[in-house]
Amino acid sequence: MESVIAKIRLMAEQCECGQAHVEIPIEKIVVANGALGQVGAYLEEKSLKKAAILADQHTYKAAGEALVKQLEQTQIEATVIRIQPDENGDVVADEKALVQALLNISDDTDVLLSVGAGTIHDITRFCGAKMKIPFISIPTAPSVDGFTSLGAPLIVNGVKKTFQMMAPIAVFADLAILTRAPRKMIAAGFGDMVAKITSLADWRFGHLIAGEPYCPLVAQMTKEALESCVSHYHQIAKGEEAGIQLLIEALIESGLAMLLFGQSHPASGGEHHLSHYWEMEFIKKKQKAVLHGAKVGVSTALLSEIYKDDFLKMIEDEKELERLNHGVHKDIIENLKEHRGEIQQLFRNIPDSDQIRQWVETIGGESLPEQLGISQELLNRSLVEAHNLRDRLTALKFLNEVAEYPLVRV
């Protein structure tokens, strides 16, 4: 996918959005059967002599063991750091995991190899940024779009926060490994892509109403990655190499879009805020974790209902807008009136919740909150509190803070 990187760099140079785009540090992206076997040669080419492999017990079996054997045939010294799970058997990107990793990475390490899915990558990119050591991404499941991004979502003092840290210098996505990933993780990756349905709408809305930074180029990149997945969902559902390649490439491209923009706005809106809220509640109650992509797949369908029904109904009500057109919200309402036509079309174009759920179910994922163990009480609480997790004007935040719209579901 080096041609994709070159294309993005060229487009960024010609972009007239006015935003300062981040320079893409990724030199090499290999998506192929046998990609793992190219890691050693790349390290030798870069004269990287001492590597630390970060993995967990599952991802070490999936790819770590083979990587260690490969590096034994070179002059590269490799240390394996296996991140230990919590009492529920979950590996969590929290303070405990970060300290464990940092204590085991020696000062003379010159490259980190992230062997795993989202959590391992979040831990690795944080450690790499803090220790000023480059890292290489080796995904073991097509489960998230964060492989190529800057962001490291971490749990700090029980709160989910995203830190902008560093992107990898290379990605080696081995299709032979990815096709063996658990079906739930493949469904989670599809769920993370489906989430762009509402995140893109929220991002454009925040730009039109509150002047938040926006880039049409990055939005189009993200939209094309989303459409690639949705239009080939049956192929992805089969779990065969061609479908998994479509999915991992879409996830990588979504990550590149976030990297180029420098923030997660293109791929993270109200649906992610709900997901983060649920995750924090599960950790607080010491419940077993649910895959990130599973949560955002469910929350996207949920927000589709709210955005296409409650939100659209509210902004089309002249009396309601006049009621809100005062005080601290006056500028927001005036902007809403000015751009109402585009906003209405934007949210009308969101697929119906039944369609989103059907896509997710076909891939093999859950589509309803209760299927993830999310109670009605937690759901209702998240609908009125989750928007506080990020300082972005999503439609969910607008409904709560500007319209004071009752979002409790029964």
Protein backbone atom coordinates (compact mmCIF):
# COMPACT_ATOMS: atom_id res chain seq x y z
CA MET A 1 0.00 0.00 0.00
CA GLU A 2 2.97 2.35 -0.44
CA SER A 3 1.17 3.82 -3.45
CA VAL A 4 -1.68 4.80 -1.13
CA ILE A 5 0.72 6.67 1.15
CA ALA A 6 2.28 8.48 -1.81
CA LYS A 7 -1.18 9.40 -3.12
CA ILE A 8 -2.27 10.74 0.28
CA ARG A 9 0.89 12.82 0.64
CA LEU A 10 0.34 14.36 -2.79
CA MET A 11 -3.33 15.09 -2.08
CA ALA A 12 -2.42 16.63 1.28
CA GLU A 13 0.00 19.01 -0.45
CA GLN A 14 -2.81 20.13 -2.76
CA CYS A 15 -5.47 20.31 -0.03
CA GLU A 16 -6.94 23.77 0.52
CA CYS A 17 -8.84 23.12 3.76
CA GLY A 18 -6.53 25.38 5.74
CA GLN A 19 -5.64 22.72 8.32
CA ALA A 20 -2.02 21.83 9.03
CA HIS A 21 -1.86 18.19 8.03
CA VAL A 22 0.42 15.81 9.89
CA GLU A 23 3.40 14.44 7.98
CA ILE A 24 2.88 10.70 7.52
CA PRO A 25 5.90 8.88 9.03
CA ILE A 26 4.89 5.43 7.76
CA GLU A 27 7.43 4.18 5.25
CA LYS A 28 6.07 0.77 4.41
CA ILE A 29 2.68 -0.99 4.49
CA VAL A 30 2.53 -4.62 3.46
CA VAL A 31 -0.85 -6.36 3.28
CA ALA A 32 -0.24 -9.84 1.93
CA ASN A 33 -0.14 -13.51 2.68
CA GLY A 34 3.29 -13.99 4.29
CA ALA A 35 3.80 -10.34 5.27
CA LEU A 36 5.13 -11.38 8.68
CA GLY A 37 8.10 -13.01 6.98
CA GLN A 38 9.27 -9.60 5.70
CA VAL A 39 9.75 -8.02 9.13
CA GLY A 40 13.31 -9.26 9.72
CA ALA A 41 14.56 -8.02 6.36
CA TYR A 42 13.01 -4.61 6.99
CA LEU A 43 14.69 -4.35 10.40
CA GLU A 44 18.06 -5.25 8.86
CA GLU A 45 17.48 -2.73 6.06
CA LYS A 46 16.85 -0.06 8.71
CA SER A 47 19.90 -1.21 10.77
CA LEU A 48 17.66 -1.81 13.78
CA LYS A 49 19.52 -4.24 16.03
CA LYS A 50 17.55 -4.59 19.27
CA ALA A 51 13.79 -5.15 19.27
CA ALA A 52 11.19 -5.47 22.00
CA ILE A 53 8.15 -7.53 21.00
CA LEU A 54 4.96 -6.51 22.81
CA ALA A 55 2.16 -9.08 22.79
CA ASP A 56 -0.30 -10.89 25.02
CA GLN A 57 -0.71 -14.62 25.51
CA HIS A 58 -3.04 -14.96 22.51
CA THR A 59 -1.29 -12.68 20.05
CA TYR A 60 2.07 -14.22 20.91
CA LYS A 61 0.73 -17.58 19.76
CA ALA A 62 -0.88 -16.02 16.70
CA ALA A 63 2.24 -14.29 15.40
CA GLY A 64 4.80 -13.66 18.15
CA GLU A 65 6.29 -17.15 18.19
CA ALA A 66 6.84 -17.14 14.43
CA LEU A 67 8.35 -13.66 14.62
CA VAL A 68 10.82 -14.73 17.33
CA LYS A 69 11.92 -17.73 15.25
CA GLN A 70 12.35 -15.48 12.23
CA LEU A 71 14.51 -12.98 14.12
CA GLU A 72 16.66 -15.80 15.53
CA GLN A 73 17.89 -16.27 11.98
CA THR A 74 19.17 -12.68 11.88
CA GLN A 75 21.56 -10.57 13.92
CA ILE A 76 18.64 -8.84 15.61
CA GLU A 77 18.27 -9.32 19.37
CA ALA A 78 14.64 -9.63 20.43
CA THR A 79 13.04 -9.43 23.87
CA VAL A 80 9.46 -10.57 24.38
CA ILE A 81 7.19 -8.58 26.70
CA ARG A 82 3.88 -10.34 27.34
CA ILE A 83 1.30 -7.97 28.81
CA GLN A 84 -0.57 -9.76 31.57
CA PRO A 85 -4.37 -9.81 31.74
CA ASP A 86 -6.48 -8.49 34.62
CA GLU A 87 -8.67 -10.58 36.95
CA ASN A 88 -11.23 -11.04 34.15
CA GLY A 89 -8.62 -12.33 31.74
CA ASP A 90 -8.69 -9.09 29.74
CA VAL A 91 -5.64 -7.15 28.59
CA VAL A 92 -6.45 -3.49 29.26
CA ALA A 93 -4.50 -0.41 28.17
CA ASP A 94 -4.32 1.14 31.62
CA GLU A 95 -1.65 2.40 34.03
CA LYS A 96 -0.79 -1.12 35.18
CA ALA A 97 -0.15 -2.39 31.66
CA LEU A 98 1.84 0.71 30.72
CA VAL A 99 4.11 0.39 33.75
CA GLN A 100 4.62 -3.30 33.04
CA ALA A 101 5.69 -2.51 29.49
CA LEU A 102 7.87 0.47 30.34
CA LEU A 103 9.74 -1.43 33.06
CA ASN A 104 10.62 -4.21 30.64
CA ILE A 105 11.75 -2.13 27.66
CA SER A 106 15.50 -1.65 28.00
CA ASP A 107 17.04 1.75 27.33
CA ASP A 108 19.07 0.44 24.38
CA THR A 109 16.02 -0.91 22.53
CA ASP A 110 15.84 0.71 19.09
CA VAL A 111 12.48 -0.60 17.82
CA LEU A 112 9.21 -1.84 19.30
CA LEU A 113 7.20 -4.53 17.52
CA SER A 114 3.50 -4.36 18.33
CA VAL A 115 2.09 -7.85 17.82
CA GLY A 116 -1.63 -7.75 18.49
CA ALA A 117 -4.83 -5.83 18.01
CA GLY A 118 -6.00 -2.47 19.38
CA THR A 119 -5.01 -2.74 23.03
CA ILE A 120 -1.45 -3.92 22.38
CA HIS A 121 -1.02 -1.16 19.82
CA ASP A 122 -2.27 1.49 22.26
CA ILE A 123 0.24 0.33 24.87
CA THR A 124 3.06 0.18 22.33
CA ARG A 125 2.48 3.61 20.79
CA PHE A 126 2.37 5.22 24.25
CA CYS A 127 5.63 3.56 25.28
CA GLY A 128 7.27 4.37 21.97
CA ALA A 129 6.35 8.03 22.21
CA LYS A 130 7.49 8.35 25.82
CA MET A 131 10.77 6.52 25.23
CA LYS A 132 11.32 8.00 21.75
CA ILE A 133 11.54 4.57 20.15
CA PRO A 134 9.91 3.88 16.74
CA PHE A 135 7.42 1.06 16.50
CA ILE A 136 6.21 -1.34 13.83
CA SER A 137 2.61 -2.51 13.60
CA ILE A 138 1.95 -6.25 13.19
CA PRO A 139 -1.84 -6.71 13.44
CA THR A 140 -3.09 -10.14 14.49
CA ALA A 141 -6.78 -9.38 13.85
CA PRO A 142 -8.63 -6.89 11.59
CA SER A 143 -10.47 -5.53 14.61
CA VAL A 144 -9.80 -1.76 14.87
CA ASP A 145 -8.81 1.21 12.72
CA GLY A 146 -6.10 2.45 15.09
CA PHE A 147 -3.13 0.57 13.64
CA THR A 148 -1.89 3.57 11.62
CA SER A 149 -3.22 6.45 13.72
CA LEU A 150 -1.60 8.70 16.32
CA GLY A 151 -4.18 8.13 19.03
CA ALA A 152 -3.73 5.85 22.02
CA PRO A 153 -7.05 5.45 23.90
CA LEU A 154 -6.07 4.62 27.48
CA ILE A 155 -7.88 4.06 30.77
CA VAL A 156 -6.42 6.55 33.29
CA ASN A 157 -7.92 6.65 36.78
CA GLY A 158 -10.90 4.78 35.41
CA VAL A 159 -11.56 7.35 32.66
CA LYS A 160 -11.14 6.69 28.94
CA LYS A 161 -8.83 9.30 27.42
CA THR A 162 -7.20 9.42 24.00
CA PHE A 163 -3.61 10.67 23.86
CA GLN A 164 -2.07 11.73 20.56
CA MET A 165 1.23 9.85 20.61
CA MET A 166 2.87 8.38 17.49
CA ALA A 167 2.20 6.37 14.34
CA PRO A 168 4.21 3.29 13.30
CA ILE A 169 7.04 3.49 10.82
CA ALA A 170 5.78 0.35 9.07
CA VAL A 171 2.84 -2.07 9.00
CA PHE A 172 3.04 -5.77 8.18
CA ALA A 173 -0.48 -7.20 7.95
CA ASP A 174 -0.26 -10.91 7.20
CA LEU A 175 -3.49 -12.18 5.63
CA ALA A 176 -2.72 -15.75 6.66
CA ILE A 177 -2.78 -14.60 10.29
CA LEU A 178 -5.72 -12.20 9.94
CA THR A 179 -8.00 -14.79 8.33
CA ARG A 180 -7.47 -17.04 11.38
CA ALA A 181 -8.61 -14.32 13.76
CA PRO A 182 -11.73 -15.09 15.82
CA ARG A 183 -14.95 -14.23 13.99
CA LYS A 184 -15.93 -11.82 16.78
CA MET A 185 -12.77 -9.79 16.15
CA ILE A 186 -13.49 -9.63 12.43
CA ALA A 187 -17.02 -8.46 13.27
CA ALA A 188 -15.50 -5.87 15.62
CA GLY A 189 -13.36 -4.50 12.80
CA PHE A 190 -16.42 -4.18 10.62
CA GLY A 191 -18.23 -2.49 13.53
CA ASP A 192 -15.41 0.03 13.85
CA MET A 193 -15.79 0.87 10.15
CA VAL A 194 -19.60 1.09 10.35
CA ALA A 195 -19.12 3.66 13.13
CA LYS A 196 -17.92 6.10 10.47
CA ILE A 197 -21.57 6.45 9.42
CA THR A 198 -22.34 8.59 12.45
CA SER A 199 -18.84 9.93 13.14
CA LEU A 200 -18.66 11.58 9.70
CA ALA A 201 -22.11 13.15 10.22
CA ASP A 202 -21.12 14.39 13.68
CA TRP A 203 -17.84 15.79 12.39
CA ARG A 204 -19.47 17.76 9.56
CA PHE A 205 -22.20 18.95 11.94
CA GLY A 206 -19.65 20.22 14.47
CA HIS A 207 -17.86 22.10 11.70
CA LEU A 208 -20.99 23.77 10.35
CA ILE A 209 -22.46 24.67 13.72
CA ALA A 210 -19.44 25.36 15.92
CA GLY A 211 -16.62 25.98 13.42
CA GLU A 212 -14.68 22.91 14.50
CA PRO A 213 -11.72 22.04 12.22
CA TYR A 214 -12.65 20.03 9.14
CA CYS A 215 -10.97 18.65 6.03
CA PRO A 216 -12.98 17.48 2.98
CA LEU A 217 -10.01 15.36 1.82
CA VAL A 218 -9.84 13.42 5.08
CA ALA A 219 -13.63 13.09 5.15
CA GLN A 220 -13.62 11.63 1.63
CA MET A 221 -10.83 9.19 2.51
CA THR A 222 -12.83 7.95 5.48
CA LYS A 223 -16.06 7.75 3.49
CA GLU A 224 -14.41 5.69 0.74
CA ALA A 225 -13.00 3.25 3.31
CA LEU A 226 -16.46 2.92 4.88
CA GLU A 227 -18.16 2.37 1.52
CA SER A 228 -15.61 -0.28 0.59
CA CYS A 229 -16.61 -2.31 3.65
CA VAL A 230 -20.36 -1.82 3.40
CA SER A 231 -20.49 -2.64 -0.31
CA HIS A 232 -18.52 -5.87 0.24
CA TYR A 233 -19.97 -6.94 3.60
CA HIS A 234 -21.04 -10.36 2.28
CA GLN A 235 -17.48 -11.00 1.13
CA ILE A 236 -16.12 -9.96 4.51
CA ALA A 237 -18.67 -12.20 6.24
CA LYS A 238 -17.22 -15.25 4.48
CA GLY A 239 -13.92 -14.67 6.29
CA GLU A 240 -11.92 -15.56 3.22
CA GLU A 241 -8.69 -13.85 2.23
CA ALA A 242 -10.23 -11.42 -0.29
CA GLY A 243 -12.82 -10.18 2.20
CA ILE A 244 -10.33 -9.86 5.05
CA GLN A 245 -7.98 -7.93 2.78
CA LEU A 246 -10.79 -5.47 2.00
CA LEU A 247 -11.48 -5.04 5.71
CA ILE A 248 -7.88 -4.57 6.90
CA GLU A 249 -7.12 -2.15 4.07
CA ALA A 250 -10.21 -0.10 4.97
CA LEU A 251 -9.15 -0.05 8.63
CA ILE A 252 -5.63 1.02 7.66
CA GLU A 253 -6.96 3.78 5.39
CA SER A 254 -9.29 5.05 8.13
CA GLY A 255 -6.29 5.18 10.46
CA LEU A 256 -4.28 7.06 7.83
CA ALA A 257 -7.10 9.60 7.55
CA MET A 258 -6.97 10.20 11.31
CA LEU A 259 -3.18 10.40 11.16
CA LEU A 260 -3.27 12.98 8.37
CA PHE A 261 -5.81 15.12 10.25
CA GLY A 262 -3.95 14.75 13.53
CA GLN A 263 -7.10 13.99 15.54
CA SER A 264 -9.76 11.27 15.69
CA HIS A 265 -12.69 13.44 14.52
CA PRO A 266 -13.16 11.62 11.15
CA ALA A 267 -13.66 8.26 12.81
CA SER A 268 -14.98 9.00 16.29
CA GLY A 269 -18.23 10.77 17.14
CA GLY A 270 -21.13 10.24 19.49
CA GLU A 271 -21.07 6.48 18.90
CA HIS A 272 -17.52 6.29 20.30
CA HIS A 273 -18.44 8.41 23.30
CA LEU A 274 -21.20 5.95 24.16
CA SER A 275 -18.76 3.05 23.72
CA HIS A 276 -16.16 4.69 25.98
CA TYR A 277 -18.81 5.32 28.64
CA TRP A 278 -19.89 1.66 28.57
CA GLU A 279 -16.27 0.50 28.75
CA MET A 280 -15.58 2.67 31.79
CA GLU A 281 -18.67 1.28 33.52
CA PHE A 282 -17.59 -2.30 32.83
CA ILE A 283 -14.14 -1.59 34.29
CA LYS A 284 -15.65 0.12 37.33
CA LYS A 285 -17.85 -2.91 38.04
CA LYS A 286 -15.02 -5.33 37.16
CA GLN A 287 -17.07 -6.89 34.39
CA LYS A 288 -15.43 -8.71 31.50
CA ALA A 289 -14.50 -6.39 28.64
CA VAL A 290 -16.40 -6.18 25.35
CA LEU A 291 -14.54 -5.60 22.09
CA HIS A 292 -14.40 -1.94 21.10
CA GLY A 293 -15.72 -2.58 17.61
CA ALA A 294 -18.64 -4.57 18.97
CA LYS A 295 -19.65 -1.63 21.17
CA VAL A 296 -19.40 1.00 18.44
CA GLY A 297 -21.29 -1.20 15.99
CA VAL A 298 -24.17 -1.32 18.48
CA SER A 299 -23.94 2.38 19.37
CA THR A 300 -23.93 3.39 15.69
CA ALA A 301 -27.25 1.62 15.08
CA LEU A 302 -28.63 3.19 18.25
CA LEU A 303 -27.59 6.70 17.20
CA SER A 304 -29.01 6.12 13.73
CA GLU A 305 -32.44 5.88 15.36
CA ILE A 306 -31.89 8.95 17.52
CA TYR A 307 -30.33 11.09 14.79
CA LYS A 308 -32.86 10.21 12.08
CA ASP A 309 -35.85 10.53 14.40
CA ASP A 310 -35.32 12.74 17.46
CA PHE A 311 -32.65 15.04 16.04
CA LEU A 312 -34.19 15.61 12.61
CA LYS A 313 -37.64 16.09 14.11
CA MET A 314 -36.27 18.68 16.53
CA ILE A 315 -34.35 20.78 13.99
CA GLU A 316 -37.34 20.81 11.62
CA ASP A 317 -39.58 22.30 14.33
CA GLU A 318 -39.57 26.09 13.91
CA LYS A 319 -41.16 26.69 17.30
CA GLU A 320 -38.53 24.53 18.98
CA LEU A 321 -35.69 26.43 17.32
CA GLU A 322 -37.17 29.77 18.33
CA ARG A 323 -37.39 28.51 21.90
CA LEU A 324 -33.67 27.71 21.84
CA ASN A 325 -32.61 30.87 20.02
CA HIS A 326 -31.43 32.84 23.03
CA GLY A 327 -28.54 33.27 25.48
CA VAL A 328 -25.42 31.18 25.14
CA HIS A 329 -26.95 29.05 22.37
CA LYS A 330 -27.97 31.90 20.07
CA ASP A 331 -24.95 31.63 17.74
CA ILE A 332 -25.31 27.86 17.52
CA ILE A 333 -28.98 28.09 16.59
CA GLU A 334 -28.31 30.82 14.03
CA ASN A 335 -25.64 28.62 12.42
CA LEU A 336 -28.05 25.71 12.48
CA LYS A 337 -30.68 27.76 10.66
CA GLU A 338 -28.14 28.92 8.09
CA HIS A 339 -26.98 25.39 7.28
CA ARG A 340 -30.20 23.53 8.03
CA GLY A 341 -30.66 22.21 4.50
CA GLU A 342 -27.23 20.58 4.40
CA ILE A 343 -27.60 19.26 7.94
CA GLN A 344 -31.00 17.74 7.19
CA GLN A 345 -29.61 15.97 4.12
CA LEU A 346 -26.53 14.86 6.05
CA PHE A 347 -28.56 13.07 8.72
CA ARG A 348 -31.25 11.79 6.34
CA ASN A 349 -28.48 10.00 4.44
CA ILE A 350 -27.57 7.94 7.51
CA PRO A 351 -28.69 4.34 6.85
CA ASP A 352 -31.60 3.08 8.92
CA SER A 353 -30.77 1.28 12.15
CA ASP A 354 -32.27 -1.98 10.84
CA GLN A 355 -29.90 -1.89 7.87
CA ILE A 356 -26.87 -1.25 10.10
CA ARG A 357 -27.86 -4.09 12.42
CA GLN A 358 -28.35 -6.44 9.49
CA TRP A 359 -24.83 -5.69 8.20
CA VAL A 360 -23.28 -6.27 11.62
CA GLU A 361 -25.26 -9.47 12.26
CA THR A 362 -24.26 -10.87 8.86
CA ILE A 363 -20.59 -10.44 9.75
CA GLY A 364 -21.22 -12.25 13.05
CA GLY A 365 -21.47 -9.40 15.54
CA GLU A 366 -23.99 -8.29 18.13
CA SER A 367 -26.37 -5.50 17.17
CA LEU A 368 -28.30 -4.62 20.36
CA PRO A 369 -27.08 -3.18 23.69
CA GLU A 370 -28.52 -6.04 25.76
CA GLN A 371 -26.51 -8.54 23.73
CA LEU A 372 -23.36 -6.87 25.09
CA GLY A 373 -24.60 -6.92 28.68
CA ILE A 374 -25.58 -3.26 28.67
CA SER A 375 -28.55 -2.73 30.96
CA GLN A 376 -31.39 -0.33 30.26
CA GLU A 377 -30.23 1.81 33.18
CA LEU A 378 -26.68 2.04 31.81
CA LEU A 379 -27.98 2.76 28.32
CA ASN A 380 -30.17 5.63 29.52
CA ARG A 381 -27.41 7.07 31.67
CA SER A 382 -24.93 6.96 28.81
CA LEU A 383 -27.31 8.76 26.45
CA VAL A 384 -27.37 11.79 28.75
CA GLU A 385 -23.79 11.70 30.08
CA ALA A 386 -21.44 10.17 27.49
CA HIS A 387 -21.17 13.37 25.42
CA ASN A 388 -19.22 14.92 28.32
CA LEU A 389 -16.26 12.62 27.63
CA ARG A 390 -15.09 14.75 24.68
CA ASP A 391 -15.22 18.45 23.94
CA ARG A 392 -16.84 18.10 20.53
CA LEU A 393 -20.22 19.32 19.31
CA THR A 394 -21.79 16.08 18.11
CA ALA A 395 -25.53 15.78 17.47
CA LEU A 396 -25.66 13.79 20.72
CA LYS A 397 -24.10 16.69 22.62
CA PHE A 398 -26.41 19.16 20.88
CA LEU A 399 -29.50 17.21 21.90
CA ASN A 400 -28.36 17.10 25.52
CA GLU A 401 -26.80 20.50 26.11
CA VAL A 402 -28.50 22.82 23.64
CA ALA A 403 -31.93 21.29 23.07
CA GLU A 404 -32.18 19.59 26.48
CA TYR A 405 -34.00 16.87 24.61
CA PRO A 406 -35.22 13.83 26.60
CA LEU A 407 -33.19 10.89 25.35
CA VAL A 408 -34.17 8.25 27.91
CA ARG A 409 -35.31 5.08 26.09
CA VAL A 410 -37.91 2.65 27.43
